[in-house]
Structure formats: C-alpha cells, structure tokens
Amino acid sequence: MLGSLQAFSQSQSEKNKIHELEIQRQIDRTRKITVQMDSATRLTEEGHYEEADIKFRNILKSIRSVPSDFTYHFGVNSFFLGKYRQSVDWINKYIQLKGTQGQYSEQAIEWLSKGEAELMKENEMEAKKAAEVLSGDYYIDCGPTGKVVCPTCKGSAVIVKKNYFGEVYKTCPSCSKKGYLTCDEYNKLIKGKLISE
C-alpha cells in the first residue's frame, strides 16, 4: 500500500513538473513575441517601415493568436508602406477587439480614417485608368456571333423608369428594339459614340 502511494505521489510530482515546464515555455514564448513586437514598433517609429514589416510578418508566422496591440501597430506600419487596404483591415481588427476602451483606440480611429481616404484615392485612380483603357482606340472582340446583349436594357429592348405616376416603359435607345448590339455598335457605345435613334 505504501509503495503504491509513493508511486502515485511520484507520478503526480512528475506531472506537476511537466505542467510547470509547459507554463514556463509559454511565458518565454510570450516574452520573445513581446520583445519582437516592441522592436518592430520601434522600427516603425524610427521610419524603417520595410524592416518593421519583415519583423511583423515573422511574428505572424510564429504565433497562433494575434495580440490586439499587434493589429494596431501592424496596421499603422502598413499605412506608411502604402498598403492601405491592409492597413484598414488590421486597424479595423483592433477596433473590433478593443472598441473605444483600448490603449490606442483614439489613434486607431484617426489611422482608419486616413487609410480609408487613401484607399478611396487609389480606387478613383484605378477607375480612371480603366476608363482610359476603355476610351482608347481599342476594338473589343465580341466573339464568333458578332453580337452582344445590350448593356443598356440587358436584352429586354425596353427601359423601365419610375416617376410620380408609376413605371414608364420606353424603347431602349441603344439597341433599336433588338435587345442586342452588333460588335461595331457595342464598341461605339462603350466609347460614347453610339448615336441613339
């Protein structure tokens, strides 16, 4: 009986040691991540955004759960790199996690506003570039049929407009009651050169 109690006691003692070692490993891992995060944050503050980005990404590879402060600092650094979508995403995560009670909540709202403004500028530039391409002297191939469903009426040959009296139906001005455009008509339409009948 005494021998089995001693064996049980030794087994419990070994389990406790293993548990304590695991806790110590987690503490060490957390400390290393905190040191790396502080280092990356300091690099951002000093204007070394590329180096900070590398450190932040290395941290992301080595952790399972992301600390909320990390989302803020990584979002700010992403802004300085011109990665506005990434910046907005990470700062939004911080705000979702901390709300108005976080250490960086006020700054996060300011950075989010700046990031969204820059993102809108980028989207406007992309839209302008797309418009320039479409308005250029390009001819879009409509495929073997040489016809395209009319984008104005979506093939119905009728445009429905609402007014004070209800719905008003009008013949589509682009496709002349056909519901489709020839390839030449389609190319003129997207360049704003199709004359409506």
C-alpha atoms as a PDB file:
ATOM      1  CA  MET A   1       0.000   0.000   0.000  1.00  0.00           C
ATOM      2  CA  LEU A   2       2.802   2.377   0.948  1.00  0.00           C
ATOM      3  CA  GLY A   3       4.635   1.571  -2.298  1.00  0.00           C
ATOM      4  CA  SER A   4       1.615   2.408  -4.443  1.00  0.00           C
ATOM      5  CA  LEU A   5       1.128   5.712  -2.599  1.00  0.00           C
ATOM      6  CA  GLN A   6       4.768   6.603  -3.224  1.00  0.00           C
ATOM      7  CA  ALA A   7       4.429   5.687  -6.904  1.00  0.00           C
ATOM      8  CA  PHE A   8       1.255   7.789  -7.174  1.00  0.00           C
ATOM      9  CA  SER A   9       2.975  10.692  -5.420  1.00  0.00           C
ATOM     10  CA  GLN A  10       5.977  10.467  -7.797  1.00  0.00           C
ATOM     11  CA  SER A  11       3.637  10.340 -10.803  1.00  0.00           C
ATOM     12  CA  GLN A  12       1.789  13.476  -9.604  1.00  0.00           C
ATOM     13  CA  SER A  13       5.083  15.208  -8.915  1.00  0.00           C
ATOM     14  CA  GLU A  14       6.305  14.460 -12.478  1.00  0.00           C
ATOM     15  CA  LYS A  15       3.010  15.699 -13.963  1.00  0.00           C
ATOM     16  CA  ASN A  16       3.308  18.924 -11.960  1.00  0.00           C
ATOM     17  CA  LYS A  17       6.895  19.422 -13.175  1.00  0.00           C
ATOM     18  CA  ILE A  18       5.832  18.860 -16.782  1.00  0.00           C
ATOM     19  CA  HIS A  19       2.942  21.307 -16.318  1.00  0.00           C
ATOM     20  CA  GLU A  20       5.278  23.917 -14.789  1.00  0.00           C
ATOM     21  CA  LEU A  21       7.748  23.463 -17.675  1.00  0.00           C
ATOM     22  CA  GLU A  22       4.948  23.987 -20.195  1.00  0.00           C
ATOM     23  CA  ILE A  23       3.806  27.155 -18.413  1.00  0.00           C
ATOM     24  CA  GLN A  24       7.415  28.411 -18.395  1.00  0.00           C
ATOM     25  CA  ARG A  25       7.720  27.715 -22.154  1.00  0.00           C
ATOM     26  CA  GLN A  26       4.544  29.696 -22.825  1.00  0.00           C
ATOM     27  CA  ILE A  27       5.838  32.589 -20.707  1.00  0.00           C
ATOM     28  CA  ASP A  28       9.162  32.532 -22.592  1.00  0.00           C
ATOM     29  CA  ARG A  29       7.361  32.413 -25.956  1.00  0.00           C
ATOM     30  CA  THR A  30       5.146  35.358 -24.967  1.00  0.00           C
ATOM     31  CA  ARG A  31       8.183  37.325 -23.770  1.00  0.00           C
ATOM     32  CA  LYS A  32      10.014  36.710 -27.078  1.00  0.00           C
ATOM     33  CA  ILE A  33       6.978  37.826 -29.083  1.00  0.00           C
ATOM     34  CA  THR A  34       6.633  40.956 -26.933  1.00  0.00           C
ATOM     35  CA  VAL A  35      10.318  41.802 -27.484  1.00  0.00           C
ATOM     36  CA  GLN A  36       9.948  41.266 -31.253  1.00  0.00           C
ATOM     37  CA  MET A  37       6.782  43.364 -31.343  1.00  0.00           C
ATOM     38  CA  ASP A  38       8.454  46.182 -29.385  1.00  0.00           C
ATOM     39  CA  SER A  39      11.381  46.045 -31.798  1.00  0.00           C
ATOM     40  CA  ALA A  40       9.089  46.208 -34.863  1.00  0.00           C
ATOM     41  CA  THR A  41       7.115  49.084 -33.315  1.00  0.00           C
ATOM     42  CA  ARG A  42      10.317  50.985 -32.603  1.00  0.00           C
ATOM     43  CA  LEU A  43      11.410  50.492 -36.230  1.00  0.00           C
ATOM     44  CA  THR A  44       8.079  51.996 -37.371  1.00  0.00           C
ATOM     45  CA  GLU A  45       8.566  54.991 -35.072  1.00  0.00           C
ATOM     46  CA  GLU A  46      12.080  55.489 -36.490  1.00  0.00           C
ATOM     47  CA  GLY A  47      10.778  55.359 -40.076  1.00  0.00           C
ATOM     48  CA  HIS A  48      12.215  51.945 -41.004  1.00  0.00           C
ATOM     49  CA  TYR A  49       8.919  50.635 -42.349  1.00  0.00           C
ATOM     50  CA  GLU A  50      10.258  47.821 -44.567  1.00  0.00           C
ATOM     51  CA  GLU A  51      12.336  46.367 -41.716  1.00  0.00           C
ATOM     52  CA  ALA A  52       9.369  46.673 -39.367  1.00  0.00           C
ATOM     53  CA  ASP A  53       7.152  44.908 -41.903  1.00  0.00           C
ATOM     54  CA  ILE A  54       9.564  41.960 -42.054  1.00  0.00           C
ATOM     55  CA  LYS A  55       9.549  41.695 -38.253  1.00  0.00           C
ATOM     56  CA  PHE A  56       5.768  41.933 -38.052  1.00  0.00           C
ATOM     57  CA  ARG A  57       5.399  39.191 -40.680  1.00  0.00           C
ATOM     58  CA  ASN A  58       7.867  36.950 -38.847  1.00  0.00           C
ATOM     59  CA  ILE A  59       5.819  37.394 -35.688  1.00  0.00           C
ATOM     60  CA  LEU A  60       2.661  36.421 -37.591  1.00  0.00           C
ATOM     61  CA  LYS A  61       4.340  33.199 -38.722  1.00  0.00           C
ATOM     62  CA  SER A  62       5.274  32.239 -35.171  1.00  0.00           C
ATOM     63  CA  ILE A  63       2.007  32.842 -33.287  1.00  0.00           C
ATOM     64  CA  ARG A  64      -1.400  31.231 -33.240  1.00  0.00           C
ATOM     65  CA  SER A  65      -3.383  34.034 -31.638  1.00  0.00           C
ATOM     66  CA  VAL A  66      -2.636  37.639 -32.554  1.00  0.00           C
ATOM     67  CA  PRO A  67      -2.397  40.194 -29.701  1.00  0.00           C
ATOM     68  CA  SER A  68      -4.700  43.173 -30.187  1.00  0.00           C
ATOM     69  CA  ASP A  69      -1.836  45.697 -29.909  1.00  0.00           C
ATOM     70  CA  PHE A  70      -0.117  43.864 -32.768  1.00  0.00           C
ATOM     71  CA  THR A  71      -3.098  44.555 -35.052  1.00  0.00           C
ATOM     72  CA  TYR A  72      -2.819  48.281 -34.332  1.00  0.00           C
ATOM     73  CA  HIS A  73       0.954  48.563 -34.851  1.00  0.00           C
ATOM     74  CA  PHE A  74       0.963  46.383 -37.976  1.00  0.00           C
ATOM     75  CA  GLY A  75      -1.900  48.455 -39.403  1.00  0.00           C
ATOM     76  CA  VAL A  76      -0.032  51.721 -38.803  1.00  0.00           C
ATOM     77  CA  ASN A  77       3.159  50.369 -40.367  1.00  0.00           C
ATOM     78  CA  SER A  78       1.167  49.110 -43.380  1.00  0.00           C
ATOM     79  CA  PHE A  79      -0.187  52.636 -43.880  1.00  0.00           C
ATOM     80  CA  PHE A  80       3.344  54.046 -44.115  1.00  0.00           C
ATOM     81  CA  LEU A  81       4.203  51.388 -46.714  1.00  0.00           C
ATOM     82  CA  GLY A  82       1.260  52.497 -48.844  1.00  0.00           C
ATOM     83  CA  LYS A  83      -0.600  49.218 -48.225  1.00  0.00           C
ATOM     84  CA  TYR A  84      -3.834  50.990 -47.421  1.00  0.00           C
ATOM     85  CA  ARG A  85      -6.235  48.046 -47.708  1.00  0.00           C
ATOM     86  CA  GLN A  86      -4.043  46.014 -45.369  1.00  0.00           C
ATOM     87  CA  SER A  87      -3.789  48.976 -43.014  1.00  0.00           C
ATOM     88  CA  VAL A  88      -7.557  49.449 -42.904  1.00  0.00           C
ATOM     89  CA  ASP A  89      -8.119  45.705 -42.336  1.00  0.00           C
ATOM     90  CA  TRP A  90      -5.689  45.448 -39.402  1.00  0.00           C
ATOM     91  CA  ILE A  91      -6.779  48.678 -37.725  1.00  0.00           C
ATOM     92  CA  ASN A  92     -10.407  47.589 -38.093  1.00  0.00           C
ATOM     93  CA  LYS A  93      -9.456  44.367 -36.291  1.00  0.00           C
ATOM     94  CA  TYR A  94      -8.001  46.414 -33.440  1.00  0.00           C
ATOM     95  CA  ILE A  95     -11.174  48.496 -33.159  1.00  0.00           C
ATOM     96  CA  GLN A  96     -13.315  45.345 -33.240  1.00  0.00           C
ATOM     97  CA  LEU A  97     -11.231  43.795 -30.453  1.00  0.00           C
ATOM     98  CA  LYS A  98     -10.853  46.856 -28.222  1.00  0.00           C
ATOM     99  CA  GLY A  99     -13.704  49.177 -29.150  1.00  0.00           C
ATOM    100  CA  THR A 100     -13.301  52.575 -27.512  1.00  0.00           C
ATOM    101  CA  GLN A 101     -11.547  51.184 -24.422  1.00  0.00           C
ATOM    102  CA  GLY A 102      -8.213  50.200 -25.975  1.00  0.00           C
ATOM    103  CA  GLN A 103      -4.931  51.947 -25.309  1.00  0.00           C
ATOM    104  CA  TYR A 104      -4.751  53.025 -28.977  1.00  0.00           C
ATOM    105  CA  SER A 105      -8.498  53.399 -29.702  1.00  0.00           C
ATOM    106  CA  GLU A 106      -8.441  57.138 -30.455  1.00  0.00           C
ATOM    107  CA  GLN A 107      -5.354  56.870 -32.643  1.00  0.00           C
ATOM    108  CA  ALA A 108      -6.796  53.783 -34.355  1.00  0.00           C
ATOM    109  CA  ILE A 109      -9.884  55.745 -35.413  1.00  0.00           C
ATOM    110  CA  GLU A 110      -7.656  58.507 -36.838  1.00  0.00           C
ATOM    111  CA  TRP A 111      -5.462  55.998 -38.718  1.00  0.00           C
ATOM    112  CA  LEU A 112      -8.545  54.199 -40.003  1.00  0.00           C
ATOM    113  CA  SER A 113      -9.903  57.461 -41.384  1.00  0.00           C
ATOM    114  CA  LYS A 114      -6.569  58.250 -43.083  1.00  0.00           C
ATOM    115  CA  GLY A 115      -6.318  54.726 -44.506  1.00  0.00           C
ATOM    116  CA  GLU A 116      -9.861  54.800 -45.886  1.00  0.00           C
ATOM    117  CA  ALA A 117      -9.221  58.199 -47.511  1.00  0.00           C
ATOM    118  CA  GLU A 118      -6.078  56.894 -49.220  1.00  0.00           C
ATOM    119  CA  LEU A 119      -7.899  53.734 -50.273  1.00  0.00           C
ATOM    120  CA  MET A 120     -10.613  55.846 -51.902  1.00  0.00           C
ATOM    121  CA  LYS A 121      -7.959  57.807 -53.802  1.00  0.00           C
ATOM    122  CA  GLU A 122      -6.447  54.517 -55.032  1.00  0.00           C
ATOM    123  CA  ASN A 123      -9.861  53.251 -56.151  1.00  0.00           C
ATOM    124  CA  GLU A 124     -10.525  56.505 -58.027  1.00  0.00           C
ATOM    125  CA  MET A 125      -7.158  56.240 -59.791  1.00  0.00           C
ATOM    126  CA  GLU A 126      -7.888  52.641 -60.799  1.00  0.00           C
ATOM    127  CA  ALA A 127     -11.303  53.654 -62.130  1.00  0.00           C
ATOM    128  CA  LYS A 128      -9.692  56.456 -64.162  1.00  0.00           C
ATOM    129  CA  LYS A 129      -7.118  54.042 -65.583  1.00  0.00           C
ATOM    130  CA  ALA A 130      -9.872  51.591 -66.542  1.00  0.00           C
ATOM    131  CA  ALA A 131     -11.839  54.407 -68.191  1.00  0.00           C
ATOM    132  CA  GLU A 132      -8.739  55.483 -70.136  1.00  0.00           C
ATOM    133  CA  VAL A 133      -8.245  51.941 -71.406  1.00  0.00           C
ATOM    134  CA  LEU A 134     -11.881  51.604 -72.458  1.00  0.00           C
ATOM    135  CA  SER A 135     -11.995  55.028 -74.068  1.00  0.00           C
ATOM    136  CA  GLY A 136      -8.828  54.375 -76.044  1.00  0.00           C
ATOM    137  CA  ASP A 137      -8.826  53.286 -79.652  1.00  0.00           C
ATOM    138  CA  TYR A 138      -9.270  49.629 -78.772  1.00  0.00           C
ATOM    139  CA  TYR A 139     -11.688  47.380 -80.536  1.00  0.00           C
ATOM    140  CA  ILE A 140     -13.276  44.764 -78.297  1.00  0.00           C
ATOM    141  CA  ASP A 141     -13.863  41.418 -79.975  1.00  0.00           C
ATOM    142  CA  CYS A 142     -17.422  40.238 -79.327  1.00  0.00           C
ATOM    143  CA  GLY A 143     -16.824  36.589 -80.155  1.00  0.00           C
ATOM    144  CA  PRO A 144     -17.963  34.399 -83.047  1.00  0.00           C
ATOM    145  CA  THR A 145     -21.565  35.672 -83.167  1.00  0.00           C
ATOM    146  CA  GLY A 146     -20.507  39.293 -83.559  1.00  0.00           C
ATOM    147  CA  LYS A 147     -23.332  40.266 -81.208  1.00  0.00           C
ATOM    148  CA  VAL A 148     -23.545  41.324 -77.539  1.00  0.00           C
ATOM    149  CA  VAL A 149     -26.563  41.564 -75.221  1.00  0.00           C
ATOM    150  CA  CYS A 150     -27.355  45.259 -74.954  1.00  0.00           C
ATOM    151  CA  PRO A 151     -25.878  46.527 -71.656  1.00  0.00           C
ATOM    152  CA  THR A 152     -28.355  49.432 -71.542  1.00  0.00           C
ATOM    153  CA  CYS A 153     -31.545  47.319 -71.414  1.00  0.00           C
ATOM    154  CA  LYS A 154     -29.971  43.954 -70.547  1.00  0.00           C
ATOM    155  CA  GLY A 155     -31.522  42.392 -73.634  1.00  0.00           C
ATOM    156  CA  SER A 156     -35.154  43.339 -72.937  1.00  0.00           C
ATOM    157  CA  ALA A 157     -35.246  46.117 -75.581  1.00  0.00           C
ATOM    158  CA  VAL A 158     -37.167  48.195 -73.020  1.00  0.00           C
ATOM    159  CA  ILE A 159     -36.062  50.680 -70.360  1.00  0.00           C
ATOM    160  CA  VAL A 160     -38.255  50.950 -67.265  1.00  0.00           C
ATOM    161  CA  LYS A 161     -38.200  54.260 -65.390  1.00  0.00           C
ATOM    162  CA  LYS A 162     -40.151  55.186 -62.294  1.00  0.00           C
ATOM    163  CA  ASN A 163     -41.819  58.551 -61.903  1.00  0.00           C
ATOM    164  CA  TYR A 164     -44.592  60.040 -59.755  1.00  0.00           C
ATOM    165  CA  PHE A 165     -47.284  58.193 -61.682  1.00  0.00           C
ATOM    166  CA  GLY A 166     -45.659  54.740 -61.573  1.00  0.00           C
ATOM    167  CA  GLU A 167     -43.485  52.971 -64.099  1.00  0.00           C
ATOM    168  CA  VAL A 168     -42.884  54.258 -67.602  1.00  0.00           C
ATOM    169  CA  TYR A 169     -41.704  51.899 -70.346  1.00  0.00           C
ATOM    170  CA  LYS A 170     -39.576  53.253 -73.174  1.00  0.00           C
ATOM    171  CA  THR A 171     -37.898  51.589 -76.103  1.00  0.00           C
ATOM    172  CA  CYS A 172     -34.179  51.132 -75.484  1.00  0.00           C
ATOM    173  CA  PRO A 173     -32.322  53.934 -77.258  1.00  0.00           C
ATOM    174  CA  SER A 174     -29.181  51.837 -77.778  1.00  0.00           C
ATOM    175  CA  CYS A 175     -30.344  48.636 -79.469  1.00  0.00           C
ATOM    176  CA  SER A 176     -33.329  49.750 -81.600  1.00  0.00           C
ATOM    177  CA  LYS A 177     -35.793  47.200 -80.138  1.00  0.00           C
ATOM    178  CA  LYS A 178     -33.457  44.245 -80.821  1.00  0.00           C
ATOM    179  CA  GLY A 179     -32.076  43.555 -77.310  1.00  0.00           C
ATOM    180  CA  TYR A 180     -28.594  43.130 -78.719  1.00  0.00           C
ATOM    181  CA  LEU A 181     -25.863  45.193 -80.357  1.00  0.00           C
ATOM    182  CA  THR A 182     -23.551  44.329 -83.203  1.00  0.00           C
ATOM    183  CA  CYS A 183     -19.893  44.355 -82.334  1.00  0.00           C
ATOM    184  CA  ASP A 184     -19.422  47.722 -84.038  1.00  0.00           C
ATOM    185  CA  GLU A 185     -22.397  49.208 -82.168  1.00  0.00           C
ATOM    186  CA  TYR A 186     -21.114  47.829 -78.863  1.00  0.00           C
ATOM    187  CA  ASN A 187     -17.653  49.331 -79.380  1.00  0.00           C
ATOM    188  CA  LYS A 188     -19.222  52.695 -80.245  1.00  0.00           C
ATOM    189  CA  LEU A 189     -21.451  52.502 -77.134  1.00  0.00           C
ATOM    190  CA  ILE A 190     -18.596  51.924 -74.683  1.00  0.00           C
ATOM    191  CA  LYS A 191     -16.679  54.805 -76.235  1.00  0.00           C
ATOM    192  CA  GLY A 192     -19.737  57.085 -76.037  1.00  0.00           C
ATOM    193  CA  LYS A 193     -20.001  57.352 -79.814  1.00  0.00           C
ATOM    194  CA  LEU A 194     -23.179  55.352 -80.473  1.00  0.00           C
ATOM    195  CA  ILE A 195     -25.879  57.653 -81.810  1.00  0.00           C
ATOM    196  CA  SER A 196     -29.262  56.709 -80.363  1.00  0.00           C
ATOM    197  CA  GLU A 197     -32.248  56.508 -82.636  1.00  0.00           C
END
